[in-house]
């Protein structure tokens, strides 16, 4: 407000929020993440078994921006391109 002498309009704020979300996605989807997305990450689980997991972003977008939810989960791979039990699947 100090630079222009008046508050930003609703349309300007909507545009800025959209640009911010795009910038955040660019930061998240860097080369390291994309490599893990394509090839997986080998992790030793609590039962001392190594498993390859694939990070995925699960998103839910509602009609209203304030209802937007995003989370990241690691989906285990069991050798047959099927996902094992994962908390995000229920």
C-alpha atoms as a PDB file:
ATOM      1  CA  UNK A   1       0.000   0.000   0.000  1.00  0.00           C
ATOM      2  CA  UNK A   2       2.894   2.363   0.657  1.00  0.00           C
ATOM      3  CA  UNK A   3       4.323   2.102  -2.863  1.00  0.00           C
ATOM      4  CA  UNK A   4       1.133   2.884  -4.769  1.00  0.00           C
ATOM      5  CA  UNK A   5      -0.982   4.650  -2.185  1.00  0.00           C
ATOM      6  CA  UNK A   6      -3.846   2.136  -2.314  1.00  0.00           C
ATOM      7  CA  UNK A   7      -4.471  -1.525  -1.513  1.00  0.00           C
ATOM      8  CA  UNK A   8      -4.182  -4.245  -4.145  1.00  0.00           C
ATOM      9  CA  UNK A   9      -7.387  -5.318  -5.826  1.00  0.00           C
ATOM     10  CA  UNK A  10      -8.850  -8.788  -5.438  1.00  0.00           C
ATOM     11  CA  UNK A  11      -7.768  -9.672  -8.973  1.00  0.00           C
ATOM     12  CA  UNK A  12      -4.158  -8.646  -8.281  1.00  0.00           C
ATOM     13  CA  UNK A  13      -4.056 -10.696  -5.059  1.00  0.00           C
ATOM     14  CA  UNK A  14      -5.477 -13.733  -6.894  1.00  0.00           C
ATOM     15  CA  UNK A  15      -2.799 -13.373  -9.572  1.00  0.00           C
ATOM     16  CA  UNK A  16      -0.030 -13.066  -6.966  1.00  0.00           C
ATOM     17  CA  UNK A  17      -1.256 -16.153  -5.076  1.00  0.00           C
ATOM     18  CA  UNK A  18      -1.261 -18.143  -8.306  1.00  0.00           C
ATOM     19  CA  UNK A  19       2.263 -16.983  -9.143  1.00  0.00           C
ATOM     20  CA  UNK A  20       3.395 -17.907  -5.635  1.00  0.00           C
ATOM     21  CA  UNK A  21       2.000 -21.437  -5.960  1.00  0.00           C
ATOM     22  CA  UNK A  22       3.747 -21.886  -9.324  1.00  0.00           C
ATOM     23  CA  UNK A  23       7.048 -20.710  -7.833  1.00  0.00           C
ATOM     24  CA  UNK A  24       6.667 -23.150  -4.917  1.00  0.00           C
ATOM     25  CA  UNK A  25       6.029 -26.060  -7.318  1.00  0.00           C
ATOM     26  CA  UNK A  26       9.175 -25.130  -9.272  1.00  0.00           C
ATOM     27  CA  UNK A  27      11.185 -25.284  -6.038  1.00  0.00           C
ATOM     28  CA  UNK A  28       9.674 -28.626  -5.027  1.00  0.00           C
ATOM     29  CA  UNK A  29      10.042 -30.309  -8.417  1.00  0.00           C
ATOM     30  CA  UNK A  30      13.813 -29.921  -8.663  1.00  0.00           C
ATOM     31  CA  UNK A  31      16.146 -32.404 -10.387  1.00  0.00           C
ATOM     32  CA  UNK A  32      16.720 -34.442  -7.219  1.00  0.00           C
ATOM     33  CA  UNK A  33      12.978 -34.915  -6.645  1.00  0.00           C
ATOM     34  CA  UNK A  34      12.323 -35.753 -10.300  1.00  0.00           C
ATOM     35  CA  UNK A  35      15.041 -38.429 -10.198  1.00  0.00           C
ATOM     36  CA  UNK A  36      13.434 -39.956  -7.086  1.00  0.00           C
ATOM     37  CA  UNK A  37      10.000 -39.681  -8.749  1.00  0.00           C
ATOM     38  CA  UNK A  38      11.187 -41.668 -11.777  1.00  0.00           C
ATOM     39  CA  UNK A  39      13.578 -44.161 -10.155  1.00  0.00           C
ATOM     40  CA  UNK A  40      12.470 -44.327  -6.533  1.00  0.00           C
ATOM     41  CA  UNK A  41      14.453 -44.192  -3.301  1.00  0.00           C
ATOM     42  CA  UNK A  42      15.718 -47.269  -1.469  1.00  0.00           C
ATOM     43  CA  UNK A  43      14.913 -46.990   2.244  1.00  0.00           C
ATOM     44  CA  UNK A  44      15.577 -49.437   5.083  1.00  0.00           C
ATOM     45  CA  UNK A  45      12.328 -49.880   6.994  1.00  0.00           C
ATOM     46  CA  UNK A  46      11.907 -50.691  10.700  1.00  0.00           C
ATOM     47  CA  UNK A  47      11.649 -54.434   9.906  1.00  0.00           C
ATOM     48  CA  UNK A  48      15.225 -54.230   8.493  1.00  0.00           C
ATOM     49  CA  UNK A  49      14.013 -54.792   4.906  1.00  0.00           C
ATOM     50  CA  UNK A  50      15.108 -52.440   2.131  1.00  0.00           C
ATOM     51  CA  UNK A  51      12.281 -51.237  -0.098  1.00  0.00           C
ATOM     52  CA  UNK A  52      12.108 -48.904  -3.072  1.00  0.00           C
ATOM     53  CA  UNK A  53       9.563 -46.128  -2.579  1.00  0.00           C
ATOM     54  CA  UNK A  54       8.355 -43.491  -5.005  1.00  0.00           C
ATOM     55  CA  UNK A  55       7.533 -39.995  -3.683  1.00  0.00           C
ATOM     56  CA  UNK A  56       4.251 -38.564  -4.918  1.00  0.00           C
ATOM     57  CA  UNK A  57       2.348 -35.375  -4.217  1.00  0.00           C
ATOM     58  CA  UNK A  58      -1.309 -35.994  -3.554  1.00  0.00           C
ATOM     59  CA  UNK A  59      -3.458 -32.915  -3.898  1.00  0.00           C
ATOM     60  CA  UNK A  60      -7.046 -32.084  -3.251  1.00  0.00           C
ATOM     61  CA  UNK A  61      -8.410 -28.881  -4.711  1.00  0.00           C
ATOM     62  CA  UNK A  62     -11.850 -27.646  -3.737  1.00  0.00           C
ATOM     63  CA  UNK A  63     -13.952 -24.832  -5.106  1.00  0.00           C
ATOM     64  CA  UNK A  64     -12.409 -22.404  -2.650  1.00  0.00           C
ATOM     65  CA  UNK A  65      -8.652 -21.709  -2.407  1.00  0.00           C
ATOM     66  CA  UNK A  66      -8.755 -21.850   1.406  1.00  0.00           C
ATOM     67  CA  UNK A  67      -9.885 -25.496   1.157  1.00  0.00           C
ATOM     68  CA  UNK A  68      -6.787 -26.457  -0.859  1.00  0.00           C
ATOM     69  CA  UNK A  69      -4.810 -29.280   0.738  1.00  0.00           C
ATOM     70  CA  UNK A  70      -1.533 -30.737  -0.438  1.00  0.00           C
ATOM     71  CA  UNK A  71       0.575 -33.487   1.055  1.00  0.00           C
ATOM     72  CA  UNK A  72       3.542 -35.593   0.121  1.00  0.00           C
ATOM     73  CA  UNK A  73       3.658 -39.326   0.586  1.00  0.00           C
ATOM     74  CA  UNK A  74       6.024 -42.159  -0.257  1.00  0.00           C
ATOM     75  CA  UNK A  75       4.288 -45.045  -1.997  1.00  0.00           C
ATOM     76  CA  UNK A  76       5.988 -48.439  -1.580  1.00  0.00           C
ATOM     77  CA  UNK A  77       6.694 -50.578  -4.632  1.00  0.00           C
ATOM     78  CA  UNK A  78       6.262 -54.336  -4.253  1.00  0.00           C
ATOM     79  CA  UNK A  79       7.660 -55.503  -7.599  1.00  0.00           C
ATOM     80  CA  UNK A  80       4.414 -55.758  -9.564  1.00  0.00           C
ATOM     81  CA  UNK A  81       3.614 -52.080 -10.093  1.00  0.00           C
ATOM     82  CA  UNK A  82       0.946 -52.274  -7.405  1.00  0.00           C
ATOM     83  CA  UNK A  83       1.031 -50.171  -4.297  1.00  0.00           C
ATOM     84  CA  UNK A  84       1.214 -51.822  -0.914  1.00  0.00           C
ATOM     85  CA  UNK A  85      -0.934 -50.609   1.949  1.00  0.00           C
ATOM     86  CA  UNK A  86      -0.379 -46.925   2.422  1.00  0.00           C
ATOM     87  CA  UNK A  87      -2.168 -44.616   4.892  1.00  0.00           C
ATOM     88  CA  UNK A  88      -3.053 -42.238   2.070  1.00  0.00           C
ATOM     89  CA  UNK A  89      -5.074 -44.937   0.289  1.00  0.00           C
ATOM     90  CA  UNK A  90      -7.800 -45.177   2.933  1.00  0.00           C
END
